């Protein structure tokens, strides 16, 4: 991620439910609309026990980013379990090229940027 480029950051909660997905997508859309040059970023470091709700959230967030100007959703802090599940369901491209490292949470985008959390 370019430190000079603004980021619209969405943080996946540790206990994500399907009910959280529309709210996450709406927050990402709002942040991307407010900052048209922003990069779409998802901090996935809390998703240590991912399930299909996590996969649905990431797929819908990626679609939201694409619809908001053709952006690609970038994942940061992706736990190995989530990487494996994304590969299993055919969405491995969300975590980038094979072997690409996504930083741990402490390396994730700074909280001072436009950050959205599920409440």
Foldseek 3Di string as FASTA:
>chain_A
DDLVAFAAEEEDALDADLVCQVVSLVSQLVQCVVPVRHAAEYEDQSPPPDDVSNVVSLVSNQVSQCVSPHHGYEYANDDPVNCVVCVVVVNNCNHPDPPDHHYHPVPDDDPVGNYDYRD
